[in-house]
């Protein structure tokens, strides 16, 4: 693996680093090997910030990721950006090879798919807003199934009477559907071209374009407190001692 990287890099290309951290300058090929090792060993996508913290000071992480992405572009695995982080993933055209080993997942119900789509396009969204858009009541079981997939999450509380919980998508959602960010969700023309929208849709039908960062709260959301997390079953209740 290391030899293949060196084939793409000039040995004279050096990254000068502060003497306090390393005894000698680190070549670009060596820095690439370090970044490659970190990404390969990580069970979760790695952010550029995390890479900078683990690589020698002065290394151009953005350049390293670009070089690695190019090196792996024609290989069986590709380096892909997933919600602001980076990870190695099977090349899209070879995904069929993994089908025999993949665990067969239970298909989501139509209701779950509808709710997932609404959350993806309208996030942050509350349960009441979900039901208003769908026109029917949304069961807790449907939301629980989507939470179990790891594709949606509790975001915060809306600054409205009753302070309802808001929902949004996760990095796992982006990863599963091959999206870099929520703005990459398909628009009306793409959905119609894929045959996913009825040809009898109203001419003024529109799909919202998500603009909010799933990891950042909006101005009308408050962060979840420890008490909120306890009520939602995400935090072990504190035990009062005498």
Protein backbone atom coordinates (compact mmCIF):
# COMPACT_ATOMS: atom_id res chain seq x y z
CA UNK A 1 0.00 0.00 0.00
CA UNK A 2 2.78 2.42 0.91
CA UNK A 3 4.65 1.71 -2.34
CA UNK A 4 1.55 2.60 -4.36
CA UNK A 5 1.40 5.97 -2.64
CA UNK A 6 5.06 6.68 -3.27
CA UNK A 7 4.45 6.03 -6.96
CA UNK A 8 2.24 9.12 -6.99
CA UNK A 9 4.48 11.43 -4.96
CA UNK A 10 7.84 13.01 -5.69
CA UNK A 11 10.34 11.91 -3.04
CA UNK A 12 11.78 15.43 -2.99
CA UNK A 13 8.43 16.93 -2.04
CA UNK A 14 8.93 17.76 1.65
CA UNK A 15 6.71 19.20 4.32
CA UNK A 16 8.88 21.28 6.62
CA UNK A 17 7.82 20.73 10.22
CA UNK A 18 8.79 22.48 13.47
CA UNK A 19 11.91 20.88 14.97
CA UNK A 20 10.23 20.59 18.35
CA UNK A 21 7.90 17.79 17.21
CA UNK A 22 10.00 15.79 14.76
CA UNK A 23 13.73 15.26 14.30
CA UNK A 24 13.61 15.69 10.51
CA UNK A 25 11.23 16.98 7.82
CA UNK A 26 8.44 14.61 6.90
CA UNK A 27 7.97 13.83 3.20
CA UNK A 28 4.55 14.10 1.67
CA UNK A 29 4.54 10.36 1.01
CA UNK A 30 5.18 9.65 4.71
CA UNK A 31 2.45 12.08 5.79
CA UNK A 32 0.09 10.36 3.35
CA UNK A 33 0.90 6.98 4.92
CA UNK A 34 0.10 8.40 8.36
CA UNK A 35 -3.23 9.85 7.25
CA UNK A 36 -4.05 6.64 5.39
CA UNK A 37 -3.38 4.56 8.51
CA UNK A 38 -5.59 6.76 10.70
CA UNK A 39 -8.48 6.68 8.23
CA UNK A 40 -8.17 2.94 7.64
CA UNK A 41 -8.10 2.05 11.34
CA UNK A 42 -10.98 4.30 12.38
CA UNK A 43 -14.40 2.70 12.82
CA UNK A 44 -16.04 6.08 12.22
CA UNK A 45 -15.45 8.83 9.63
CA UNK A 46 -12.56 11.09 10.69
CA UNK A 47 -12.79 14.88 10.66
CA UNK A 48 -10.03 17.11 9.32
CA UNK A 49 -9.66 18.55 12.81
CA UNK A 50 -9.01 15.08 14.25
CA UNK A 51 -6.41 14.42 11.55
CA UNK A 52 -4.61 17.70 12.28
CA UNK A 53 -4.45 16.78 15.96
CA UNK A 54 -2.82 13.41 15.22
CA UNK A 55 -0.52 14.34 12.35
CA UNK A 56 2.74 16.32 12.67
CA UNK A 57 2.34 20.08 13.03
CA UNK A 58 2.48 21.93 9.73
CA UNK A 59 1.05 19.13 7.59
CA UNK A 60 -1.46 20.38 5.00
CA UNK A 61 -4.35 18.05 5.82
CA UNK A 62 -6.58 19.38 3.03
CA UNK A 63 -3.86 18.61 0.50
CA UNK A 64 -3.29 15.14 1.94
CA UNK A 65 -6.98 14.28 1.66
CA UNK A 66 -7.07 15.52 -1.92
CA UNK A 67 -4.02 13.38 -2.80
CA UNK A 68 -5.47 10.29 -1.11
CA UNK A 69 -8.83 10.80 -2.79
CA UNK A 70 -7.10 10.91 -6.18
CA UNK A 71 -4.93 7.86 -5.43
CA UNK A 72 -7.94 5.78 -4.43
CA UNK A 73 -10.33 7.10 -7.11
CA UNK A 74 -9.71 4.09 -9.39
CA UNK A 75 -9.39 1.46 -6.67
CA UNK A 76 -11.81 -0.98 -5.09
CA UNK A 77 -12.24 1.39 -2.17
CA UNK A 78 -12.62 5.14 -2.42
CA UNK A 79 -11.98 7.95 0.05
CA UNK A 80 -15.27 9.75 0.53
CA UNK A 81 -16.40 12.78 2.51
CA UNK A 82 -19.25 11.96 4.86
CA UNK A 83 -20.95 14.88 6.58
CA UNK A 84 -17.78 16.89 7.06
CA UNK A 85 -15.63 13.85 7.89
CA UNK A 86 -13.68 11.35 5.76
CA UNK A 87 -13.78 7.56 5.43
CA UNK A 88 -12.82 4.71 3.10
CA UNK A 89 -15.84 3.11 1.43
CA UNK A 90 -16.34 0.36 -1.14
CA UNK A 91 -16.40 1.76 -4.68
CA UNK A 92 -20.02 2.28 -5.74
CA UNK A 93 -19.73 0.04 -8.81
CA UNK A 94 -18.47 -2.86 -6.66
CA UNK A 95 -21.11 -2.69 -3.94
CA UNK A 96 -22.83 -5.77 -5.43
CA UNK A 97 -19.85 -7.89 -4.30
CA UNK A 98 -20.73 -7.18 -0.68
CA UNK A 99 -24.35 -8.32 -0.99
CA UNK A 100 -23.60 -11.95 -0.13
CA UNK A 101 -21.91 -10.95 3.11
CA UNK A 102 -24.31 -8.18 4.07
CA UNK A 103 -26.86 -8.84 6.79
CA UNK A 104 -30.33 -8.64 5.31
CA UNK A 105 -32.10 -5.72 6.87
CA UNK A 106 -35.84 -5.52 7.32
CA UNK A 107 -37.36 -3.10 4.85
CA UNK A 108 -38.73 0.14 6.26
CA UNK A 109 -42.47 0.61 6.08
CA UNK A 110 -43.93 3.24 3.78
CA UNK A 111 -44.78 5.34 6.83
CA UNK A 112 -41.17 5.18 8.05
CA UNK A 113 -39.86 6.17 4.61
CA UNK A 114 -42.28 9.11 4.49
CA UNK A 115 -41.21 10.29 7.94
CA UNK A 116 -37.52 9.90 7.07
CA UNK A 117 -37.97 11.93 3.88
CA UNK A 118 -39.82 14.70 5.72
CA UNK A 119 -37.17 14.89 8.43
CA UNK A 120 -34.38 14.93 5.82
CA UNK A 121 -35.89 17.77 3.79
CA UNK A 122 -37.56 19.81 6.53
CA UNK A 123 -35.12 19.45 9.45
CA UNK A 124 -35.28 20.62 12.12
CA UNK A 125 -38.85 19.38 12.41
CA UNK A 126 -41.11 18.47 15.34
CA UNK A 127 -43.49 15.53 15.55
CA UNK A 128 -46.48 17.88 15.21
CA UNK A 129 -44.94 19.40 12.08
CA UNK A 130 -44.36 15.89 10.70
CA UNK A 131 -48.01 15.05 11.20
CA UNK A 132 -49.13 18.33 9.66
CA UNK A 133 -47.08 17.62 6.52
CA UNK A 134 -48.16 13.96 6.25
CA UNK A 135 -51.76 14.67 7.16
CA UNK A 136 -51.90 11.68 9.49
CA UNK A 137 -50.71 10.82 12.98
CA UNK A 138 -47.14 9.57 13.29
CA UNK A 139 -46.73 6.70 15.72
CA UNK A 140 -43.92 6.63 18.25
CA UNK A 141 -43.02 3.19 16.89
CA UNK A 142 -42.21 4.65 13.47
CA UNK A 143 -39.89 7.21 15.01
CA UNK A 144 -38.32 4.53 17.22
CA UNK A 145 -37.53 2.37 14.18
CA UNK A 146 -35.79 5.29 12.47
CA UNK A 147 -33.87 6.08 15.66
CA UNK A 148 -32.71 2.44 15.80
CA UNK A 149 -31.31 2.69 12.27
CA UNK A 150 -29.16 5.60 13.44
CA UNK A 151 -30.45 7.77 10.58
CA UNK A 152 -32.32 10.34 12.67
CA UNK A 153 -31.63 11.94 16.03
CA UNK A 154 -33.06 14.29 18.63
CA UNK A 155 -31.70 17.78 17.87
CA UNK A 156 -33.07 20.10 20.55
CA UNK A 157 -36.24 21.79 21.75
CA UNK A 158 -38.24 24.30 19.72
CA UNK A 159 -38.69 27.69 21.37
CA UNK A 160 -42.47 27.49 21.16
CA UNK A 161 -45.20 26.66 23.72
CA UNK A 162 -44.69 23.14 24.97
CA UNK A 163 -41.04 23.20 23.82
CA UNK A 164 -41.40 20.15 21.50
CA UNK A 165 -38.41 18.00 20.56
CA UNK A 166 -36.94 18.60 17.11
CA UNK A 167 -35.61 15.86 14.82
CA UNK A 168 -32.83 15.82 12.24
CA UNK A 169 -30.68 13.39 10.25
CA UNK A 170 -27.30 12.00 11.26
CA UNK A 171 -23.91 11.42 9.64
CA UNK A 172 -24.91 7.74 9.33
CA UNK A 173 -27.85 8.81 7.15
CA UNK A 174 -25.50 10.72 4.84
CA UNK A 175 -23.06 7.81 4.78
CA UNK A 176 -25.72 5.22 3.94
CA UNK A 177 -27.18 7.24 1.08
CA UNK A 178 -23.81 8.40 -0.27
CA UNK A 179 -24.33 12.09 0.49
CA UNK A 180 -21.63 14.54 1.48
CA UNK A 181 -24.12 16.93 3.13
CA UNK A 182 -27.88 17.41 3.37
CA UNK A 183 -27.76 19.96 0.57
CA UNK A 184 -26.92 17.05 -1.76
CA UNK A 185 -30.39 15.55 -1.37
CA UNK A 186 -32.06 15.22 -4.79
CA UNK A 187 -34.39 17.98 -5.96
CA UNK A 188 -37.70 17.77 -7.81
CA UNK A 189 -36.16 17.29 -11.26
CA UNK A 190 -33.87 14.51 -10.04
CA UNK A 191 -36.69 12.71 -8.23
CA UNK A 192 -38.98 13.03 -11.23
CA UNK A 193 -36.24 11.79 -13.56
CA UNK A 194 -35.74 8.75 -11.33
CA UNK A 195 -39.46 7.98 -11.50
CA UNK A 196 -40.00 8.66 -7.81
CA UNK A 197 -42.61 11.38 -8.32
CA UNK A 198 -45.98 11.03 -10.00
CA UNK A 199 -46.34 12.70 -13.39
CA UNK A 200 -49.61 14.11 -12.06
CA UNK A 201 -47.92 16.23 -9.41
CA UNK A 202 -49.21 19.85 -9.28
CA UNK A 203 -47.19 22.24 -11.45
CA UNK A 204 -46.36 24.37 -8.41
CA UNK A 205 -45.13 21.40 -6.37
CA UNK A 206 -41.77 22.10 -4.72
CA UNK A 207 -39.38 20.32 -2.41
CA UNK A 208 -37.50 22.35 0.21
CA UNK A 209 -33.73 22.47 -0.08
CA UNK A 210 -32.17 21.71 3.34
CA UNK A 211 -29.88 24.55 4.36
CA UNK A 212 -29.35 23.83 8.04
CA UNK A 213 -26.30 22.02 9.33
CA UNK A 214 -27.60 18.88 11.11
CA UNK A 215 -24.99 19.41 13.83
CA UNK A 216 -25.84 23.05 14.55
CA UNK A 217 -28.98 24.29 16.28
CA UNK A 218 -31.05 27.03 14.66
CA UNK A 219 -32.04 30.28 16.36
CA UNK A 220 -35.41 28.83 17.42
CA UNK A 221 -33.91 25.71 19.03
CA UNK A 222 -32.47 25.20 22.49
CA UNK A 223 -29.95 22.44 23.27
CA UNK A 224 -31.14 19.36 25.12
CA UNK A 225 -30.37 19.40 28.85
CA UNK A 226 -29.40 16.43 31.02
CA UNK A 227 -33.00 16.30 32.23
CA UNK A 228 -34.21 16.14 28.62
CA UNK A 229 -31.75 13.33 27.88
CA UNK A 230 -32.94 11.40 30.95
CA UNK A 231 -36.57 11.74 29.85
CA UNK A 232 -35.66 10.54 26.35
CA UNK A 233 -33.76 7.56 27.74
CA UNK A 234 -30.42 8.81 26.44
CA UNK A 235 -28.88 9.39 29.85
CA UNK A 236 -28.92 7.22 32.96
CA UNK A 237 -30.96 8.95 35.66
CA UNK A 238 -28.91 10.35 38.49
CA UNK A 239 -29.27 8.63 41.83
CA UNK A 240 -29.77 10.93 44.80
CA UNK A 241 -27.71 9.92 47.83
CA UNK A 242 -28.61 10.83 51.41
